[in-house]
Protein backbone atom coordinates (compact mmCIF):
# COMPACT_ATOMS: atom_id res chain seq x y z
CA MET A 1 -0.07 -0.11 0.06
CA PRO A 2 1.45 3.42 -0.81
CA THR A 3 2.43 5.93 1.53
CA LEU A 4 -0.44 8.81 1.49
CA ASN A 5 0.90 12.41 1.11
CA LEU A 6 -1.54 14.81 2.71
CA GLY A 7 0.15 17.63 1.51
CA HIS A 8 2.40 19.15 4.26
CA ASP A 9 5.81 19.37 5.00
CA HIS A 10 6.12 17.08 8.36
CA ARG A 11 8.96 19.13 9.57
CA ARG A 12 6.86 22.03 10.20
CA GLY A 13 3.81 20.35 11.35
CA ASN A 14 2.49 20.30 14.88
CA ARG A 15 0.09 18.06 16.95
CA ALA A 16 -3.03 19.80 15.99
CA GLU A 17 -2.28 19.71 12.30
CA GLU A 18 -1.45 16.23 12.40
CA MET A 19 -4.57 15.08 14.48
CA SER A 20 -6.69 17.10 11.69
CA GLY A 21 -5.03 14.95 9.08
CA ARG A 22 -3.43 17.77 7.41
CA GLY A 23 0.15 17.36 8.94
CA ARG A 24 1.85 14.90 7.51
CA ARG A 25 2.50 11.60 5.61
CA ILE A 26 0.46 8.57 7.07
CA THR A 27 2.73 5.50 6.91
CA ASP A 28 1.61 2.04 5.72
CA GLU A 29 1.61 0.76 9.20
CA GLU A 30 -0.75 3.58 10.58
CA ILE A 31 -2.93 2.97 7.61
CA ASN A 32 -2.88 -0.67 8.67
CA GLU A 33 -3.58 0.20 12.03
CA LEU A 34 -6.62 2.35 11.23
CA VAL A 35 -8.05 -0.40 8.93
CA SER A 36 -7.66 -2.88 11.80
CA ARG A 37 -9.43 -0.31 13.95
CA LEU A 38 -12.01 0.35 11.77
CA GLN A 39 -12.67 -3.18 11.17
CA SER A 40 -12.92 -3.89 14.97
CA LEU A 41 -15.87 -1.63 15.04
CA LEU A 42 -17.95 -3.63 12.67
CA PRO A 43 -20.32 -6.37 14.32
CA GLU A 44 -18.72 -9.99 14.41
CA SER A 45 -21.45 -11.11 11.75
CA ARG A 46 -19.82 -8.66 9.29
CA ARG A 47 -16.15 -9.18 10.03
CA ARG A 48 -16.58 -13.06 10.23
CA ASN A 49 -17.45 -12.60 6.24
CA MET A 50 -14.59 -10.48 5.53
CA GLY A 51 -11.71 -12.33 6.42
CA ARG A 52 -8.48 -10.31 5.22
CA VAL A 53 -9.70 -7.61 3.18
CA SER A 54 -8.61 -4.45 1.34
CA ALA A 55 -8.97 -0.92 3.03
CA SER A 56 -11.32 -0.18 -0.05
CA LYS A 57 -13.38 -3.26 0.77
CA LEU A 58 -13.45 -2.42 4.38
CA LEU A 59 -14.50 1.16 3.83
CA LYS A 60 -17.43 0.19 1.45
CA GLU A 61 -18.58 -2.43 3.87
CA THR A 62 -18.30 0.27 6.65
CA CYS A 63 -20.21 2.57 4.48
CA SER A 64 -23.02 -0.31 4.10
CA TYR A 65 -23.03 -0.71 7.84
CA ILE A 66 -23.56 2.93 8.69
CA LYS A 67 -26.34 2.97 6.03
CA SER A 68 -28.05 0.22 7.81
CA LEU A 69 -27.79 1.92 11.32
CA HIS A 70 -29.40 4.84 9.79
CA ARG A 71 -32.15 2.87 8.50
CA GLU A 72 -32.63 0.90 11.72
CA VAL A 73 -32.65 4.50 13.74
CA ASP A 74 -35.19 5.74 11.22
CA ASP A 75 -37.23 2.48 11.72
CA LEU A 76 -37.11 2.81 15.62
CA SER A 77 -38.19 6.42 15.44
CA ASP A 78 -41.16 5.66 13.48
CA ARG A 79 -42.22 2.69 16.02
CA LEU A 80 -41.48 5.22 18.87
CA SER A 81 -43.91 8.02 17.16
CA GLY A 82 -46.46 5.28 16.46
CA LEU A 83 -46.43 4.27 20.29
CA MET A 84 -46.90 8.17 21.32
CA VAL A 85 -50.44 7.73 19.81
CA THR A 86 -51.39 5.05 21.99
CA VAL A 87 -50.36 6.59 25.41
CA ASP A 88 -51.73 9.51 27.24
CA SER A 89 -49.45 12.49 26.51
CA ASN A 90 -49.17 13.52 30.38
CA SER A 91 -48.02 9.78 31.15
CA PRO A 92 -44.60 8.87 32.29
CA GLN A 93 -44.25 6.61 29.31
CA ALA A 94 -45.14 9.37 27.14
CA GLU A 95 -42.05 11.45 28.40
CA ILE A 96 -39.81 8.49 28.24
CA ILE A 97 -40.88 8.06 24.50
CA ARG A 98 -40.43 12.14 23.94
CA SER A 99 -36.82 11.72 25.44
CA LEU A 100 -35.97 8.85 23.26
CA LEU A 101 -37.09 10.80 20.11
CA ARG A 102 -35.02 13.78 21.03
CA SER A 103 -31.84 12.02 21.44
């Protein structure tokens, strides 16, 4: 995997620039570590089917997983909204549902 040049002379960079992603070159080792960390965030069921994969495939799978999480959040929000119709608006249950919808 090639080293990525993020467009900055690393001799002049500071920690804030490095942390923002603009300060220096990222080494192959750092990329591999980031890919490994990203893969560890995926659920076991998704990791099991991947084995050792390219960073590109891992990024695509991660994007797919994030999209599925968004769909799940939308579905749960819809279900909570439906529950609101069935409870007294002044009840403790209604307040719990409202707080869940706000977060």
